[in-house]
Amino acid sequence: YYTGSVKGRFIISRDNAKNTVYLEMISLKPEDTAGYYCASTRRPFMFG
């Protein structure tokens, strides 16, 4: 899932063997400047 302003520029992926989530960001813009935080859901198997 992506917010509209990053669709086509950012790609999220996960490697379950490494317990790691990634965010690949290309074509970065000044408005992308921010602190970026990862988060894990309250419950398992959440969608949508």
All heavy atoms as atom14 arrays in JSON, in Angstrom:
{
  "sequence": "YYTGSVKGRFIISRDNAKNTVYLEMISLKPEDTAGYYCASTRRPFMFG",
  "atom14_mask": [
    [1, 1, 1, 1, 1, 1, 1, 1, 1, 1, 1, 1, 0, 0],
    [1, 1, 1, 1, 1, 1, 1, 1, 1, 1, 1, 1, 0, 0],
    [1, 1, 1, 1, 1, 1, 1, 0, 0, 0, 0, 0, 0, 0],
    [1, 1, 1, 1, 0, 0, 0, 0, 0, 0, 0, 0, 0, 0],
    [1, 1, 1, 1, 1, 1, 0, 0, 0, 0, 0, 0, 0, 0],
    [1, 1, 1, 1, 1, 1, 1, 0, 0, 0, 0, 0, 0, 0],
    [1, 1, 1, 1, 1, 1, 1, 1, 1, 0, 0, 0, 0, 0],
    [1, 1, 1, 1, 0, 0, 0, 0, 0, 0, 0, 0, 0, 0],
    [1, 1, 1, 1, 1, 1, 1, 1, 1, 1, 1, 0, 0, 0],
    [1, 1, 1, 1, 1, 1, 1, 1, 1, 1, 1, 0, 0, 0],
    [1, 1, 1, 1, 1, 1, 1, 1, 0, 0, 0, 0, 0, 0],
    [1, 1, 1, 1, 1, 1, 1, 1, 0, 0, 0, 0, 0, 0],
    [1, 1, 1, 1, 1, 1, 0, 0, 0, 0, 0, 0, 0, 0],
    [1, 1, 1, 1, 1, 1, 1, 1, 1, 1, 1, 0, 0, 0],
    [1, 1, 1, 1, 1, 1, 1, 1, 0, 0, 0, 0, 0, 0],
    [1, 1, 1, 1, 1, 1, 1, 1, 0, 0, 0, 0, 0, 0],
    [1, 1, 1, 1, 1, 0, 0, 0, 0, 0, 0, 0, 0, 0],
    [1, 1, 1, 1, 1, 1, 1, 1, 1, 0, 0, 0, 0, 0],
    [1, 1, 1, 1, 1, 1, 1, 1, 0, 0, 0, 0, 0, 0],
    [1, 1, 1, 1, 1, 1, 1, 0, 0, 0, 0, 0, 0, 0],
    [1, 1, 1, 1, 1, 1, 1, 0, 0, 0, 0, 0, 0, 0],
    [1, 1, 1, 1, 1, 1, 1, 1, 1, 1, 1, 1, 0, 0],
    [1, 1, 1, 1, 1, 1, 1, 1, 0, 0, 0, 0, 0, 0],
    [1, 1, 1, 1, 1, 1, 1, 1, 1, 0, 0, 0, 0, 0],
    [1, 1, 1, 1, 1, 1, 1, 1, 0, 0, 0, 0, 0, 0],
    [1, 1, 1, 1, 1, 1, 1, 1, 0, 0, 0, 0, 0, 0],
    [1, 1, 1, 1, 1, 1, 0, 0, 0, 0, 0, 0, 0, 0],
    [1, 1, 1, 1, 1, 1, 1, 1, 0, 0, 0, 0, 0, 0],
    [1, 1, 1, 1, 1, 1, 1, 1, 1, 0, 0, 0, 0, 0],
    [1, 1, 1, 1, 1, 1, 1, 0, 0, 0, 0, 0, 0, 0],
    [1, 1, 1, 1, 1, 1, 1, 1, 1, 0, 0, 0, 0, 0],
    [1, 1, 1, 1, 1, 1, 1, 1, 0, 0, 0, 0, 0, 0],
    [1, 1, 1, 1, 1, 1, 1, 0, 0, 0, 0, 0, 0, 0],
    [1, 1, 1, 1, 1, 0, 0, 0, 0, 0, 0, 0, 0, 0],
    [1, 1, 1, 1, 0, 0, 0, 0, 0, 0, 0, 0, 0, 0],
    [1, 1, 1, 1, 1, 1, 1, 1, 1, 1, 1, 1, 0, 0],
    [1, 1, 1, 1, 1, 1, 1, 1, 1, 1, 1, 1, 0, 0],
    [1, 1, 1, 1, 1, 1, 0, 0, 0, 0, 0, 0, 0, 0],
    [1, 1, 1, 1, 1, 0, 0, 0, 0, 0, 0, 0, 0, 0],
    [1, 1, 1, 1, 1, 1, 0, 0, 0, 0, 0, 0, 0, 0],
    [1, 1, 1, 1, 1, 1, 1, 0, 0, 0, 0, 0, 0, 0],
    [1, 1, 1, 1, 1, 1, 1, 1, 1, 1, 1, 0, 0, 0],
    [1, 1, 1, 1, 1, 1, 1, 1, 1, 1, 1, 0, 0, 0],
    [1, 1, 1, 1, 1, 1, 1, 0, 0, 0, 0, 0, 0, 0],
    [1, 1, 1, 1, 1, 1, 1, 1, 1, 1, 1, 0, 0, 0],
    [1, 1, 1, 1, 1, 1, 1, 1, 0, 0, 0, 0, 0, 0],
    [1, 1, 1, 1, 1, 1, 1, 1, 1, 1, 1, 0, 0, 0],
    [1, 1, 1, 1, 0, 0, 0, 0, 0, 0, 0, 0, 0, 0]
  ],
  "atom14_positions": [
    [[0.86, -1.18, 0.0], [0.0, 0.0, 0.0], [0.89, 1.23, 0.0], [1.93, 1.24, 0.67], [-0.88, 0.01, 1.26], [-1.63, -1.28, 1.49], [-1.04, -2.35, 2.14], [-2.95, -1.43, 1.04], [-1.71, -3.55, 2.34], [-3.63, -2.62, 1.25], [-3.01, -3.67, 1.89], [-3.68, -4.85, 2.1], [0.0, 0.0, 0.0], [0.0, 0.0, 0.0]],
    [[0.47, 2.26, -0.74], [1.26, 3.49, -0.84], [0.35, 4.71, -0.77], [-0.77, 4.68, -1.27], [2.02, 3.54, -2.17], [3.02, 2.42, -2.35], [2.65, 1.25, -3.01], [4.32, 2.56, -1.89], [3.56, 0.22, -3.17], [5.24, 1.54, -2.06], [4.85, 0.37, -2.69], [5.76, -0.65, -2.86], [0.0, 0.0, 0.0], [0.0, 0.0, 0.0]],
    [[0.86, 5.78, -0.2], [0.16, 7.03, -0.33], [0.41, 7.57, -1.74], [1.42, 7.25, -2.38], [0.65, 8.04, 0.73], [-0.23, 9.15, 0.77], [2.07, 8.51, 0.45], [0.0, 0.0, 0.0], [0.0, 0.0, 0.0], [0.0, 0.0, 0.0], [0.0, 0.0, 0.0], [0.0, 0.0, 0.0], [0.0, 0.0, 0.0], [0.0, 0.0, 0.0]],
    [[-0.53, 8.4, -2.22], [-0.49, 8.79, -3.61], [0.78, 9.51, -4.04], [1.27, 9.31, -5.16], [0.0, 0.0, 0.0], [0.0, 0.0, 0.0], [0.0, 0.0, 0.0], [0.0, 0.0, 0.0], [0.0, 0.0, 0.0], [0.0, 0.0, 0.0], [0.0, 0.0, 0.0], [0.0, 0.0, 0.0], [0.0, 0.0, 0.0], [0.0, 0.0, 0.0]],
    [[1.34, 10.31, -3.17], [2.48, 11.15, -3.56], [3.77, 10.35, -3.78], [4.72, 10.89, -4.34], [2.72, 12.22, -2.49], [3.05, 11.63, -1.25], [0.0, 0.0, 0.0], [0.0, 0.0, 0.0], [0.0, 0.0, 0.0], [0.0, 0.0, 0.0], [0.0, 0.0, 0.0], [0.0, 0.0, 0.0], [0.0, 0.0, 0.0], [0.0, 0.0, 0.0]],
    [[3.8, 9.09, -3.36], [5.03, 8.31, -3.53], [4.84, 7.14, -4.5], [5.82, 6.45, -4.81], [5.56, 7.77, -2.17], [5.69, 8.89, -1.16], [4.71, 6.64, -1.63], [0.0, 0.0, 0.0], [0.0, 0.0, 0.0], [0.0, 0.0, 0.0], [0.0, 0.0, 0.0], [0.0, 0.0, 0.0], [0.0, 0.0, 0.0], [0.0, 0.0, 0.0]],
    [[3.65, 6.94, -4.97], [3.41, 5.83, -5.92], [4.27, 6.01, -7.16], [4.35, 7.1, -7.73], [1.93, 5.77, -6.31], [1.04, 5.14, -5.27], [-0.4, 5.05, -5.76], [-1.29, 4.41, -4.71], [-2.71, 4.37, -5.14], [0.0, 0.0, 0.0], [0.0, 0.0, 0.0], [0.0, 0.0, 0.0], [0.0, 0.0, 0.0], [0.0, 0.0, 0.0]],
    [[4.91, 4.93, -7.56], [5.78, 4.98, -8.73], [7.21, 5.42, -8.4], [8.09, 5.32, -9.26], [0.0, 0.0, 0.0], [0.0, 0.0, 0.0], [0.0, 0.0, 0.0], [0.0, 0.0, 0.0], [0.0, 0.0, 0.0], [0.0, 0.0, 0.0], [0.0, 0.0, 0.0], [0.0, 0.0, 0.0], [0.0, 0.0, 0.0], [0.0, 0.0, 0.0]],
    [[7.42, 5.91, -7.18], [8.78, 6.35, -6.79], [9.34, 5.53, -5.63], [10.55, 5.35, -5.54], [8.76, 7.83, -6.39], [8.32, 8.75, -7.49], [8.54, 10.22, -7.1], [7.78, 10.6, -5.91], [8.34, 11.05, -4.78], [9.65, 11.18, -4.68], [7.58, 11.39, -3.75], [0.0, 0.0, 0.0], [0.0, 0.0, 0.0], [0.0, 0.0, 0.0]],
    [[8.48, 5.07, -4.74], [8.92, 4.3, -3.57], [8.45, 2.85, -3.72], [7.36, 2.58, -4.23], [8.31, 4.87, -2.29], [8.85, 6.21, -1.87], [9.65, 6.98, -2.7], [8.54, 6.72, -0.62], [10.12, 8.22, -2.32], [9.01, 7.95, -0.2], [9.8, 8.7, -1.06], [0.0, 0.0, 0.0], [0.0, 0.0, 0.0], [0.0, 0.0, 0.0]],
    [[9.27, 1.93, -3.23], [8.9, 0.52, -3.22], [9.2, -0.05, -1.83], [10.32, 0.05, -1.34], [9.68, -0.29, -4.27], [9.34, 0.21, -5.68], [9.35, -1.78, -4.15], [10.15, -0.46, -6.77], [0.0, 0.0, 0.0], [0.0, 0.0, 0.0], [0.0, 0.0, 0.0], [0.0, 0.0, 0.0], [0.0, 0.0, 0.0], [0.0, 0.0, 0.0]],
    [[8.16, -0.64, -1.22], [8.34, -1.29, 0.07], [8.5, -2.79, -0.16], [7.88, -3.37, -1.05], [7.16, -0.99, 1.02], [7.48, -1.44, 2.44], [5.87, -1.63, 0.51], [6.44, -0.96, 3.47], [0.0, 0.0, 0.0], [0.0, 0.0, 0.0], [0.0, 0.0, 0.0], [0.0, 0.0, 0.0], [0.0, 0.0, 0.0], [0.0, 0.0, 0.0]],
    [[9.36, -3.39, 0.64], [9.55, -4.84, 0.53], [9.94, -5.37, 1.91], [10.28, -4.6, 2.82], [10.63, -5.17, -0.5], [11.89, -4.62, -0.13], [0.0, 0.0, 0.0], [0.0, 0.0, 0.0], [0.0, 0.0, 0.0], [0.0, 0.0, 0.0], [0.0, 0.0, 0.0], [0.0, 0.0, 0.0], [0.0, 0.0, 0.0], [0.0, 0.0, 0.0]],
    [[9.89, -6.67, 2.05], [10.26, -7.28, 3.31], [11.04, -8.55, 3.06], [10.8, -9.25, 2.07], [9.03, -7.57, 4.17], [8.04, -8.56, 3.61], [6.74, -8.56, 4.42], [6.97, -8.97, 5.81], [6.14, -8.67, 6.82], [5.04, -7.98, 6.59], [6.42, -9.09, 8.04], [0.0, 0.0, 0.0], [0.0, 0.0, 0.0], [0.0, 0.0, 0.0]],
    [[11.96, -8.86, 3.95], [12.72, -10.09, 3.93], [12.48, -10.77, 5.27], [13.07, -10.4, 6.29], [14.21, -9.79, 3.73], [15.05, -11.05, 3.57], [14.63, -12.12, 4.06], [16.13, -10.96, 2.98], [0.0, 0.0, 0.0], [0.0, 0.0, 0.0], [0.0, 0.0, 0.0], [0.0, 0.0, 0.0], [0.0, 0.0, 0.0], [0.0, 0.0, 0.0]],
    [[11.59, -11.74, 5.27], [11.2, -12.38, 6.53], [12.36, -13.16, 7.15], [12.41, -13.33, 8.38], [10.01, -13.3, 6.3], [8.73, -12.54, 6.01], [8.6, -11.36, 6.37], [7.79, -13.19, 5.34], [0.0, 0.0, 0.0], [0.0, 0.0, 0.0], [0.0, 0.0, 0.0], [0.0, 0.0, 0.0], [0.0, 0.0, 0.0], [0.0, 0.0, 0.0]],
    [[13.27, -13.64, 6.34], [14.42, -14.38, 6.87], [15.36, -13.45, 7.66], [16.08, -13.91, 8.54], [15.19, -15.05, 5.74], [0.0, 0.0, 0.0], [0.0, 0.0, 0.0], [0.0, 0.0, 0.0], [0.0, 0.0, 0.0], [0.0, 0.0, 0.0], [0.0, 0.0, 0.0], [0.0, 0.0, 0.0], [0.0, 0.0, 0.0], [0.0, 0.0, 0.0]],
    [[15.32, -12.16, 7.33], [16.19, -11.19, 7.99], [15.42, -10.27, 8.94], [16.0, -9.33, 9.5], [16.93, -10.33, 6.95], [17.89, -11.12, 6.08], [18.62, -10.21, 5.1], [19.62, -11.0, 4.27], [20.35, -10.14, 3.31], [0.0, 0.0, 0.0], [0.0, 0.0, 0.0], [0.0, 0.0, 0.0], [0.0, 0.0, 0.0], [0.0, 0.0, 0.0]],
    [[14.12, -10.53, 9.11], [13.29, -9.67, 9.97], [13.44, -8.2, 9.61], [13.52, -7.33, 10.49], [13.66, -9.87, 11.45], [13.13, -11.19, 12.01], [12.63, -12.03, 11.26], [13.24, -11.36, 13.3], [0.0, 0.0, 0.0], [0.0, 0.0, 0.0], [0.0, 0.0, 0.0], [0.0, 0.0, 0.0], [0.0, 0.0, 0.0], [0.0, 0.0, 0.0]],
    [[13.45, -7.92, 8.33], [13.75, -6.57, 7.86], [12.73, -6.11, 6.83], [12.33, -6.89, 5.96], [15.16, -6.52, 7.25], [16.12, -6.94, 8.22], [15.5, -5.11, 6.8], [0.0, 0.0, 0.0], [0.0, 0.0, 0.0], [0.0, 0.0, 0.0], [0.0, 0.0, 0.0], [0.0, 0.0, 0.0], [0.0, 0.0, 0.0], [0.0, 0.0, 0.0]],
    [[12.34, -4.86, 6.95], [11.51, -4.2, 5.95], [12.33, -3.08, 5.33], [13.11, -2.41, 6.01], [10.18, -3.68, 6.55], [10.43, -2.65, 7.64], [9.27, -3.13, 5.48], [0.0, 0.0, 0.0], [0.0, 0.0, 0.0], [0.0, 0.0, 0.0], [0.0, 0.0, 0.0], [0.0, 0.0, 0.0], [0.0, 0.0, 0.0], [0.0, 0.0, 0.0]],
    [[12.14, -2.9, 4.03], [12.91, -1.9, 3.28], [11.97, -0.87, 2.65], [10.8, -1.17, 2.37], [13.72, -2.57, 2.18], [14.65, -3.65, 2.65], [14.28, -4.99, 2.59], [15.91, -3.33, 3.15], [15.14, -5.99, 3.02], [16.78, -4.32, 3.59], [16.39, -5.64, 3.52], [17.24, -6.63, 3.95], [0.0, 0.0, 0.0], [0.0, 0.0, 0.0]],
    [[12.51, 0.3, 2.4], [11.81, 1.29, 1.59], [12.82, 1.85, 0.59], [13.73, 2.58, 0.97], [11.24, 2.42, 2.45], [10.36, 3.4, 1.7], [9.06, 2.72, 1.23], [10.03, 4.63, 2.55], [0.0, 0.0, 0.0], [0.0, 0.0, 0.0], [0.0, 0.0, 0.0], [0.0, 0.0, 0.0], [0.0, 0.0, 0.0], [0.0, 0.0, 0.0]],
    [[12.65, 1.45, -0.66], [13.48, 1.94, -1.74], [12.85, 3.21, -2.27], [11.68, 3.21, -2.67], [13.58, 0.89, -2.85], [14.59, 1.2, -3.92], [16.02, 0.85, -3.49], [16.19, -0.16, -2.78], [16.95, 1.59, -3.87], [0.0, 0.0, 0.0], [0.0, 0.0, 0.0], [0.0, 0.0, 0.0], [0.0, 0.0, 0.0], [0.0, 0.0, 0.0]],
    [[13.62, 4.29, -2.27], [13.08, 5.59, -2.68], [13.91, 6.12, -3.84], [15.13, 6.27, -3.72], [13.13, 6.58, -1.51], [12.43, 6.07, -0.25], [12.41, 7.27, 1.09], [14.15, 7.39, 1.46], [0.0, 0.0, 0.0], [0.0, 0.0, 0.0], [0.0, 0.0, 0.0], [0.0, 0.0, 0.0], [0.0, 0.0, 0.0], [0.0, 0.0, 0.0]],
    [[13.23, 6.4, -4.96], [13.91, 6.98, -6.12], [13.23, 8.29, -6.48], [12.16, 8.61, -5.97], [13.91, 6.02, -7.32], [12.5, 5.78, -7.83], [14.6, 4.71, -6.97], [12.45, 5.03, -9.16], [0.0, 0.0, 0.0], [0.0, 0.0, 0.0], [0.0, 0.0, 0.0], [0.0, 0.0, 0.0], [0.0, 0.0, 0.0], [0.0, 0.0, 0.0]],
    [[13.87, 9.04, -7.38], [13.33, 10.32, -7.84], [12.89, 11.18, -6.66], [11.79, 11.75, -6.65], [12.16, 10.1, -8.8], [12.56, 9.34, -9.92], [0.0, 0.0, 0.0], [0.0, 0.0, 0.0], [0.0, 0.0, 0.0], [0.0, 0.0, 0.0], [0.0, 0.0, 0.0], [0.0, 0.0, 0.0], [0.0, 0.0, 0.0], [0.0, 0.0, 0.0]],
    [[13.73, 11.27, -5.67], [13.38, 11.99, -4.45], [13.19, 13.48, -4.71], [13.86, 14.07, -5.57], [14.45, 11.78, -3.38], [14.36, 10.42, -2.68], [15.68, 10.08, -1.99], [13.22, 10.42, -1.68], [0.0, 0.0, 0.0], [0.0, 0.0, 0.0], [0.0, 0.0, 0.0], [0.0, 0.0, 0.0], [0.0, 0.0, 0.0], [0.0, 0.0, 0.0]],
    [[12.27, 14.06, -3.98], [11.91, 15.47, -4.12], [12.15, 16.17, -2.77], [12.09, 15.54, -1.72], [10.45, 15.6, -4.5], [10.05, 14.85, -5.76], [8.56, 14.95, -6.0], [8.14, 14.18, -7.24], [6.67, 14.26, -7.48], [0.0, 0.0, 0.0], [0.0, 0.0, 0.0], [0.0, 0.0, 0.0], [0.0, 0.0, 0.0], [0.0, 0.0, 0.0]],
    [[12.36, 17.47, -2.79], [12.53, 18.2, -1.52], [11.37, 17.99, -0.55], [11.58, 17.94, 0.67], [12.64, 19.65, -1.97], [13.23, 19.58, -3.34], [12.64, 18.34, -3.95], [0.0, 0.0, 0.0], [0.0, 0.0, 0.0], [0.0, 0.0, 0.0], [0.0, 0.0, 0.0], [0.0, 0.0, 0.0], [0.0, 0.0, 0.0], [0.0, 0.0, 0.0]],
    [[10.17, 17.82, -1.08], [9.02, 17.6, -0.2], [9.02, 16.22, 0.46], [8.18, 15.96, 1.32], [7.7, 17.82, -0.97], [7.58, 17.07, -2.28], [7.98, 17.92, -3.47], [9.01, 18.66, -3.4], [7.27, 17.84, -4.51], [0.0, 0.0, 0.0], [0.0, 0.0, 0.0], [0.0, 0.0, 0.0], [0.0, 0.0, 0.0], [0.0, 0.0, 0.0]],
    [[9.94, 15.36, 0.08], [10.09, 14.08, 0.77], [10.92, 14.21, 2.04], [11.05, 13.25, 2.81], [10.75, 13.05, -0.15], [9.9, 12.68, -1.35], [8.68, 12.5, -1.18], [10.46, 12.58, -2.46], [0.0, 0.0, 0.0], [0.0, 0.0, 0.0], [0.0, 0.0, 0.0], [0.0, 0.0, 0.0], [0.0, 0.0, 0.0], [0.0, 0.0, 0.0]],
    [[11.49, 15.38, 2.26], [12.32, 15.61, 3.45], [11.5, 15.43, 4.72], [10.44, 16.06, 4.88], [12.92, 17.03, 3.41], [13.81, 17.13, 2.29], [13.68, 17.33, 4.7], [0.0, 0.0, 0.0], [0.0, 0.0, 0.0], [0.0, 0.0, 0.0], [0.0, 0.0, 0.0], [0.0, 0.0, 0.0], [0.0, 0.0, 0.0], [0.0, 0.0, 0.0]],
    [[11.96, 14.55, 5.6], [11.24, 14.25, 6.84], [12.03, 13.22, 7.63], [12.97, 12.6, 7.11], [9.85, 13.69, 6.54], [0.0, 0.0, 0.0], [0.0, 0.0, 0.0], [0.0, 0.0, 0.0], [0.0, 0.0, 0.0], [0.0, 0.0, 0.0], [0.0, 0.0, 0.0], [0.0, 0.0, 0.0], [0.0, 0.0, 0.0], [0.0, 0.0, 0.0]],
    [[11.63, 13.02, 8.87], [12.06, 11.85, 9.61], [11.18, 10.68, 9.19], [9.96, 10.83, 9.13], [0.0, 0.0, 0.0], [0.0, 0.0, 0.0], [0.0, 0.0, 0.0], [0.0, 0.0, 0.0], [0.0, 0.0, 0.0], [0.0, 0.0, 0.0], [0.0, 0.0, 0.0], [0.0, 0.0, 0.0], [0.0, 0.0, 0.0], [0.0, 0.0, 0.0]],
    [[11.81, 9.55, 8.91], [11.06, 8.37, 8.46], [11.09, 7.32, 9.58], [12.15, 7.01, 10.12], [11.67, 7.81, 7.18], [11.29, 8.59, 5.95], [11.78, 9.87, 5.74], [10.41, 8.06, 5.02], [11.41, 10.61, 4.63], [10.04, 8.79, 3.9], [10.53, 10.06, 3.72], [10.15, 10.79, 2.61], [0.0, 0.0, 0.0], [0.0, 0.0, 0.0]],
    [[9.91, 6.8, 9.87], [9.74, 5.87, 10.98], [9.11, 4.57, 10.49], [8.12, 4.6, 9.76], [8.82, 6.48, 12.04], [9.34, 7.76, 12.63], [9.13, 8.98, 12.0], [10.07, 7.75, 13.82], [9.62, 10.16, 12.53], [10.57, 8.93, 14.36], [10.34, 10.12, 13.71], [10.83, 11.29, 14.24], [0.0, 0.0, 0.0], [0.0, 0.0, 0.0]],
    [[9.67, 3.46, 10.91], [9.0, 2.19, 10.62], [8.14, 1.81, 11.82], [8.37, 2.25, 12.95], [9.99, 1.09, 10.27], [11.04, 0.52, 11.59], [0.0, 0.0, 0.0], [0.0, 0.0, 0.0], [0.0, 0.0, 0.0], [0.0, 0.0, 0.0], [0.0, 0.0, 0.0], [0.0, 0.0, 0.0], [0.0, 0.0, 0.0], [0.0, 0.0, 0.0]],
    [[7.13, 0.99, 11.56], [6.17, 0.62, 12.58], [5.67, -0.79, 12.33], [5.6, -1.25, 11.19], [5.0, 1.6, 12.6], [0.0, 0.0, 0.0], [0.0, 0.0, 0.0], [0.0, 0.0, 0.0], [0.0, 0.0, 0.0], [0.0, 0.0, 0.0], [0.0, 0.0, 0.0], [0.0, 0.0, 0.0], [0.0, 0.0, 0.0], [0.0, 0.0, 0.0]],
    [[5.27, -1.45, 13.43], [4.75, -2.82, 13.38], [3.36, -2.84, 14.0], [3.11, -2.19, 15.02], [5.7, -3.73, 14.16], [5.3, -5.08, 14.07], [0.0, 0.0, 0.0], [0.0, 0.0, 0.0], [0.0, 0.0, 0.0], [0.0, 0.0, 0.0], [0.0, 0.0, 0.0], [0.0, 0.0, 0.0], [0.0, 0.0, 0.0], [0.0, 0.0, 0.0]],
    [[2.44, -3.58, 13.36], [1.04, -3.52, 13.75], [0.75, -4.12, 15.13], [1.48, -4.96, 15.63], [0.15, -4.23, 12.72], [0.68, -5.54, 12.47], [0.06, -3.44, 11.42], [0.0, 0.0, 0.0], [0.0, 0.0, 0.0], [0.0, 0.0, 0.0], [0.0, 0.0, 0.0], [0.0, 0.0, 0.0], [0.0, 0.0, 0.0], [0.0, 0.0, 0.0]],
    [[-0.38, -3.68, 15.69], [-0.82, -4.15, 17.02], [-1.19, -5.62, 16.99], [-1.02, -6.33, 17.98], [-2.04, -3.35, 17.47], [-1.77, -1.91, 17.7], [-3.02, -1.18, 18.18], [-2.78, 0.23, 18.35], [-2.23, 0.77, 19.42], [-1.88, 0.01, 20.44], [-2.03, 2.07, 19.48], [0.0, 0.0, 0.0], [0.0, 0.0, 0.0], [0.0, 0.0, 0.0]],
    [[-1.77, -6.05, 15.87], [-2.23, -7.43, 15.77], [-1.63, -8.07, 14.53], [-1.33, -7.38, 13.55], [-3.76, -7.46, 15.66], [-4.5, -6.82, 16.8], [-6.01, -7.03, 16.66], [-6.51, -6.67, 15.35], [-6.87, -5.45, 14.99], [-6.74, -4.45, 15.85], [-7.34, -5.21, 13.79], [0.0, 0.0, 0.0], [0.0, 0.0, 0.0], [0.0, 0.0, 0.0]],
    [[-1.48, -9.4, 14.54], [-0.98, -10.06, 13.33], [-2.03, -10.09, 12.23], [-3.22, -9.92, 12.49], [-0.65, -11.48, 13.84], [-1.55, -11.68, 15.01], [-1.71, -10.34, 15.65], [0.0, 0.0, 0.0], [0.0, 0.0, 0.0], [0.0, 0.0, 0.0], [0.0, 0.0, 0.0], [0.0, 0.0, 0.0], [0.0, 0.0, 0.0], [0.0, 0.0, 0.0]],
    [[-1.56, -10.29, 11.02], [-2.41, -10.54, 9.85], [-3.42, -9.42, 9.59], [-4.56, -9.67, 9.24], [-3.12, -11.9, 9.99], [-2.2, -13.03, 10.33], [-2.31, -13.7, 11.53], [-1.19, -13.4, 9.45], [-1.43, -14.74, 11.85], [-0.3, -14.42, 9.76], [-0.43, -15.1, 10.96], [0.0, 0.0, 0.0], [0.0, 0.0, 0.0], [0.0, 0.0, 0.0]],
    [[-2.98, -8.2, 9.74], [-3.83, -7.05, 9.39], [-3.63, -6.7, 7.93], [-2.53, -6.83, 7.37], [-3.48, -5.85, 10.27], [-3.89, -5.99, 11.73], [-3.52, -4.53, 12.71], [-4.64, -3.34, 11.96], [0.0, 0.0, 0.0], [0.0, 0.0, 0.0], [0.0, 0.0, 0.0], [0.0, 0.0, 0.0], [0.0, 0.0, 0.0], [0.0, 0.0, 0.0]],
    [[-4.72, -6.21, 7.3], [-4.67, -5.86, 5.89], [-5.47, -4.6, 5.66], [-6.26, -4.18, 6.5], [-5.3, -6.99, 5.03], [-4.67, -8.32, 5.25], [-5.2, -9.2, 6.18], [-3.56, -8.7, 4.52], [-4.63, -10.43, 6.38], [-2.98, -9.93, 4.72], [-3.51, -10.81, 5.66], [0.0, 0.0, 0.0], [0.0, 0.0, 0.0], [0.0, 0.0, 0.0]],
    [[-5.29, -4.01, 4.48], [-6.2, -3.0, 3.99], [-6.01, -1.61, 4.53], [-4.94, -1.25, 5.04], [0.0, 0.0, 0.0], [0.0, 0.0, 0.0], [0.0, 0.0, 0.0], [0.0, 0.0, 0.0], [0.0, 0.0, 0.0], [0.0, 0.0, 0.0], [0.0, 0.0, 0.0], [0.0, 0.0, 0.0], [0.0, 0.0, 0.0], [0.0, 0.0, 0.0]]
  ]
}
